[in-house]
């Protein structure tokens, strides 16, 4: 038994061949779909950014109106 295990290991070691590389697999349809998905995502993100800017501008307008009313009320109270 002590001789069999090293003998089997030696046979497996000597019987193993040299490792060879495989060919690279390229899937053009997957690459094209990835490009399409990326461009759609970019369009959606730019639309979202544009909406955020317009919402921020609207918030600035509301703030300026509220500040104007607040200043007018303070001016009346200071009389």
N, C-alpha and C. Protein backbone atom coordinates (compact mmCIF):
# COMPACT_ATOMS: atom_id res chain seq x y z
N UNK A 1 0.83 -1.19 0.00
CA UNK A 1 0.00 0.00 0.00
C UNK A 1 0.87 1.26 0.00
N UNK A 2 1.98 1.20 0.75
CA UNK A 2 2.86 2.36 0.80
C UNK A 2 3.54 2.59 -0.54
N UNK A 3 3.71 1.55 -1.32
CA UNK A 3 4.38 1.67 -2.61
C UNK A 3 3.38 2.04 -3.71
N UNK A 4 2.14 1.64 -3.56
CA UNK A 4 1.13 1.84 -4.61
C UNK A 4 0.80 3.32 -4.79
N UNK A 5 0.62 4.04 -3.71
CA UNK A 5 0.23 5.45 -3.80
C UNK A 5 1.32 6.28 -4.48
N UNK A 6 2.59 6.18 -4.09
CA UNK A 6 3.62 6.94 -4.82
C UNK A 6 3.75 6.49 -6.27
N UNK A 7 3.53 5.20 -6.53
CA UNK A 7 3.62 4.70 -7.90
C UNK A 7 2.50 5.29 -8.76
N UNK A 8 1.31 5.37 -8.24
CA UNK A 8 0.18 5.97 -8.96
C UNK A 8 0.46 7.46 -9.20
N UNK A 9 0.97 8.14 -8.18
CA UNK A 9 1.28 9.56 -8.33
C UNK A 9 2.36 9.78 -9.38
N UNK A 10 3.36 8.89 -9.42
CA UNK A 10 4.43 8.99 -10.41
C UNK A 10 3.87 8.77 -11.82
N UNK A 11 2.98 7.80 -11.97
CA UNK A 11 2.38 7.54 -13.29
C UNK A 11 1.54 8.72 -13.76
N UNK A 12 0.79 9.31 -12.84
CA UNK A 12 -0.01 10.48 -13.22
C UNK A 12 0.87 11.66 -13.59
N UNK A 13 1.96 11.84 -12.87
CA UNK A 13 2.88 12.94 -13.14
C UNK A 13 3.56 12.77 -14.50
N UNK A 14 4.01 11.55 -14.78
CA UNK A 14 4.69 11.30 -16.05
C UNK A 14 3.71 11.26 -17.22
N UNK A 15 2.47 10.89 -16.94
CA UNK A 15 1.48 10.78 -18.01
C UNK A 15 0.85 12.10 -18.39
N UNK A 16 1.03 13.11 -17.55
CA UNK A 16 0.42 14.40 -17.88
C UNK A 16 1.22 15.06 -19.00
N UNK A 17 0.50 15.61 -19.95
CA UNK A 17 1.16 16.25 -21.09
C UNK A 17 1.40 17.72 -20.83
N UNK A 18 1.91 18.34 -21.83
CA UNK A 18 2.19 19.76 -21.75
C UNK A 18 0.90 20.55 -21.94
N UNK A 19 0.72 21.60 -21.16
CA UNK A 19 -0.50 22.42 -21.25
C UNK A 19 -0.42 23.31 -22.49
N UNK A 20 -1.54 23.44 -23.18
CA UNK A 20 -1.60 24.27 -24.38
C UNK A 20 -2.71 25.30 -24.21
N UNK A 21 -2.51 26.44 -24.77
CA UNK A 21 -3.50 27.52 -24.67
C UNK A 21 -4.63 27.27 -25.65
N UNK A 22 -5.80 27.78 -25.29
CA UNK A 22 -6.95 27.67 -26.17
C UNK A 22 -7.09 28.95 -26.98
N UNK A 23 -7.89 28.86 -28.04
CA UNK A 23 -8.15 30.03 -28.86
C UNK A 23 -9.08 30.98 -28.11
N UNK A 24 -8.91 32.27 -28.36
CA UNK A 24 -9.78 33.28 -27.76
C UNK A 24 -11.13 33.24 -28.46
N UNK A 25 -12.19 33.29 -27.66
CA UNK A 25 -13.54 33.28 -28.21
C UNK A 25 -14.06 34.71 -28.20
N UNK A 26 -14.47 35.20 -29.35
CA UNK A 26 -15.01 36.55 -29.48
C UNK A 26 -16.44 36.44 -30.01
N UNK A 27 -17.36 37.13 -29.32
CA UNK A 27 -18.76 37.10 -29.72
C UNK A 27 -19.15 38.50 -30.23
N UNK A 28 -19.12 38.70 -31.56
CA UNK A 28 -19.40 40.04 -32.09
C UNK A 28 -20.81 40.54 -31.76
N UNK A 29 -21.79 39.65 -31.77
CA UNK A 29 -23.16 40.10 -31.47
C UNK A 29 -23.26 40.59 -30.03
N UNK A 30 -22.56 39.94 -29.11
CA UNK A 30 -22.57 40.37 -27.71
C UNK A 30 -21.89 41.72 -27.56
N UNK A 31 -20.80 41.94 -28.28
CA UNK A 31 -20.10 43.22 -28.24
C UNK A 31 -21.00 44.33 -28.80
N UNK A 32 -21.69 44.05 -29.89
CA UNK A 32 -22.58 45.05 -30.50
C UNK A 32 -23.73 45.38 -29.55
N UNK A 33 -24.31 44.37 -28.92
CA UNK A 33 -25.41 44.60 -27.98
C UNK A 33 -24.93 45.39 -26.78
N UNK A 34 -23.72 45.14 -26.35
CA UNK A 34 -23.15 45.89 -25.23
C UNK A 34 -22.98 47.36 -25.59
N UNK A 35 -22.54 47.63 -26.81
CA UNK A 35 -22.39 49.02 -27.27
C UNK A 35 -23.75 49.71 -27.33
N UNK A 36 -24.76 49.02 -27.83
CA UNK A 36 -26.11 49.59 -27.91
C UNK A 36 -26.63 49.88 -26.51
N UNK A 37 -26.45 48.95 -25.60
CA UNK A 37 -26.93 49.15 -24.23
C UNK A 37 -26.21 50.32 -23.55
N UNK A 38 -24.92 50.44 -23.80
CA UNK A 38 -24.15 51.54 -23.22
C UNK A 38 -24.63 52.89 -23.75
N UNK A 39 -24.90 52.95 -25.05
CA UNK A 39 -25.35 54.22 -25.62
C UNK A 39 -26.75 54.58 -25.11
N UNK A 40 -27.63 53.59 -24.96
CA UNK A 40 -28.96 53.86 -24.39
C UNK A 40 -28.84 54.36 -22.96
N UNK A 41 -27.95 53.75 -22.21
CA UNK A 41 -27.75 54.16 -20.82
C UNK A 41 -27.21 55.58 -20.75
N UNK A 42 -26.30 55.92 -21.65
CA UNK A 42 -25.73 57.27 -21.69
C UNK A 42 -26.81 58.30 -22.00
N UNK A 43 -27.69 57.99 -22.94
CA UNK A 43 -28.78 58.91 -23.29
C UNK A 43 -29.70 59.10 -22.08
N UNK A 44 -30.02 58.02 -21.41
CA UNK A 44 -30.91 58.09 -20.25
C UNK A 44 -30.26 58.90 -19.12
N UNK A 45 -28.98 58.71 -18.90
CA UNK A 45 -28.29 59.46 -17.84
C UNK A 45 -28.21 60.94 -18.17
N UNK A 46 -28.00 61.28 -19.43
CA UNK A 46 -27.95 62.70 -19.80
C UNK A 46 -29.32 63.34 -19.66
N UNK A 47 -30.38 62.61 -19.97
CA UNK A 47 -31.74 63.13 -19.78
C UNK A 47 -32.01 63.35 -18.29
N UNK A 48 -31.58 62.42 -17.47
CA UNK A 48 -31.76 62.56 -16.03
C UNK A 48 -31.01 63.78 -15.51
N UNK A 49 -29.79 63.97 -15.98
CA UNK A 49 -29.00 65.13 -15.56
C UNK A 49 -29.67 66.43 -15.99
N UNK A 50 -30.22 66.46 -17.21
CA UNK A 50 -30.90 67.65 -17.70
C UNK A 50 -32.12 67.96 -16.84
N UNK A 51 -32.87 66.92 -16.45
CA UNK A 51 -34.04 67.12 -15.58
C UNK A 51 -33.62 67.63 -14.21
N UNK A 52 -32.51 67.12 -13.70
CA UNK A 52 -32.03 67.58 -12.39
C UNK A 52 -31.65 69.06 -12.44
N UNK A 53 -31.03 69.49 -13.51
CA UNK A 53 -30.64 70.90 -13.65
C UNK A 53 -31.88 71.78 -13.71
N UNK A 54 -32.88 71.36 -14.49
CA UNK A 54 -34.09 72.19 -14.58
C UNK A 54 -34.83 72.22 -13.24
N UNK A 55 -34.85 71.10 -12.51
CA UNK A 55 -35.47 71.09 -11.18
C UNK A 55 -34.72 72.01 -10.22
N UNK A 56 -33.40 72.02 -10.30
CA UNK A 56 -32.61 72.89 -9.44
C UNK A 56 -32.87 74.36 -9.78
N UNK A 57 -32.98 74.69 -11.06
CA UNK A 57 -33.27 76.06 -11.46
C UNK A 57 -34.64 76.50 -10.94
N UNK A 58 -35.59 75.60 -10.98
CA UNK A 58 -36.93 75.90 -10.46
C UNK A 58 -36.87 76.13 -8.95
N UNK A 59 -36.06 75.35 -8.26
CA UNK A 59 -35.89 75.51 -6.81
C UNK A 59 -35.26 76.86 -6.50
N UNK A 60 -34.29 77.28 -7.31
CA UNK A 60 -33.66 78.59 -7.11
C UNK A 60 -34.70 79.70 -7.29
N UNK A 61 -35.57 79.58 -8.29
CA UNK A 61 -36.62 80.58 -8.50
C UNK A 61 -37.53 80.68 -7.30
N UNK A 62 -37.95 79.52 -6.78
CA UNK A 62 -38.85 79.50 -5.62
C UNK A 62 -38.16 80.13 -4.41
N UNK A 63 -36.89 79.82 -4.24
CA UNK A 63 -36.13 80.39 -3.12
C UNK A 63 -36.04 81.91 -3.24
N UNK A 64 -35.76 82.41 -4.45
CA UNK A 64 -35.65 83.85 -4.64
C UNK A 64 -36.98 84.56 -4.39
N UNK A 65 -38.09 83.94 -4.81
CA UNK A 65 -39.40 84.53 -4.55
C UNK A 65 -39.69 84.56 -3.05
N UNK A 66 -39.40 83.47 -2.37
CA UNK A 66 -39.64 83.40 -0.93
C UNK A 66 -38.77 84.43 -0.20
N UNK A 67 -37.54 84.60 -0.66
CA UNK A 67 -36.64 85.58 -0.02
C UNK A 67 -37.17 86.99 -0.23
N UNK A 68 -37.67 87.26 -1.42
CA UNK A 68 -38.22 88.59 -1.71
C UNK A 68 -39.42 88.88 -0.80
N UNK A 69 -40.32 87.89 -0.64
CA UNK A 69 -41.48 88.08 0.23
C UNK A 69 -41.04 88.23 1.69
N UNK A 70 -40.06 87.47 2.08
CA UNK A 70 -39.57 87.55 3.46
C UNK A 70 -38.95 88.92 3.73
N UNK A 71 -38.16 89.41 2.79
CA UNK A 71 -37.56 90.74 2.97
C UNK A 71 -38.62 91.83 3.02
N UNK A 72 -39.67 91.67 2.21
CA UNK A 72 -40.76 92.66 2.23
C UNK A 72 -41.47 92.62 3.58
N UNK A 73 -41.71 91.43 4.13
CA UNK A 73 -42.34 91.33 5.43
C UNK A 73 -41.47 91.93 6.53
N UNK A 74 -40.19 91.74 6.43
CA UNK A 74 -39.28 92.33 7.43
C UNK A 74 -39.26 93.83 7.34
N UNK A 75 -39.35 94.35 6.13
CA UNK A 75 -39.37 95.80 5.96
C UNK A 75 -40.63 96.38 6.58
N UNK A 76 -41.76 95.69 6.45
CA UNK A 76 -43.02 96.16 7.05
C UNK A 76 -42.93 96.10 8.57
N UNK A 77 -42.35 95.03 9.11
CA UNK A 77 -42.25 94.88 10.57
C UNK A 77 -41.28 95.89 11.17
N UNK A 78 -40.30 96.33 10.43
CA UNK A 78 -39.32 97.28 10.95
C UNK A 78 -39.86 98.69 11.04
N UNK A 79 -41.00 98.94 10.38
CA UNK A 79 -41.60 100.29 10.46
C UNK A 79 -42.09 100.49 11.85
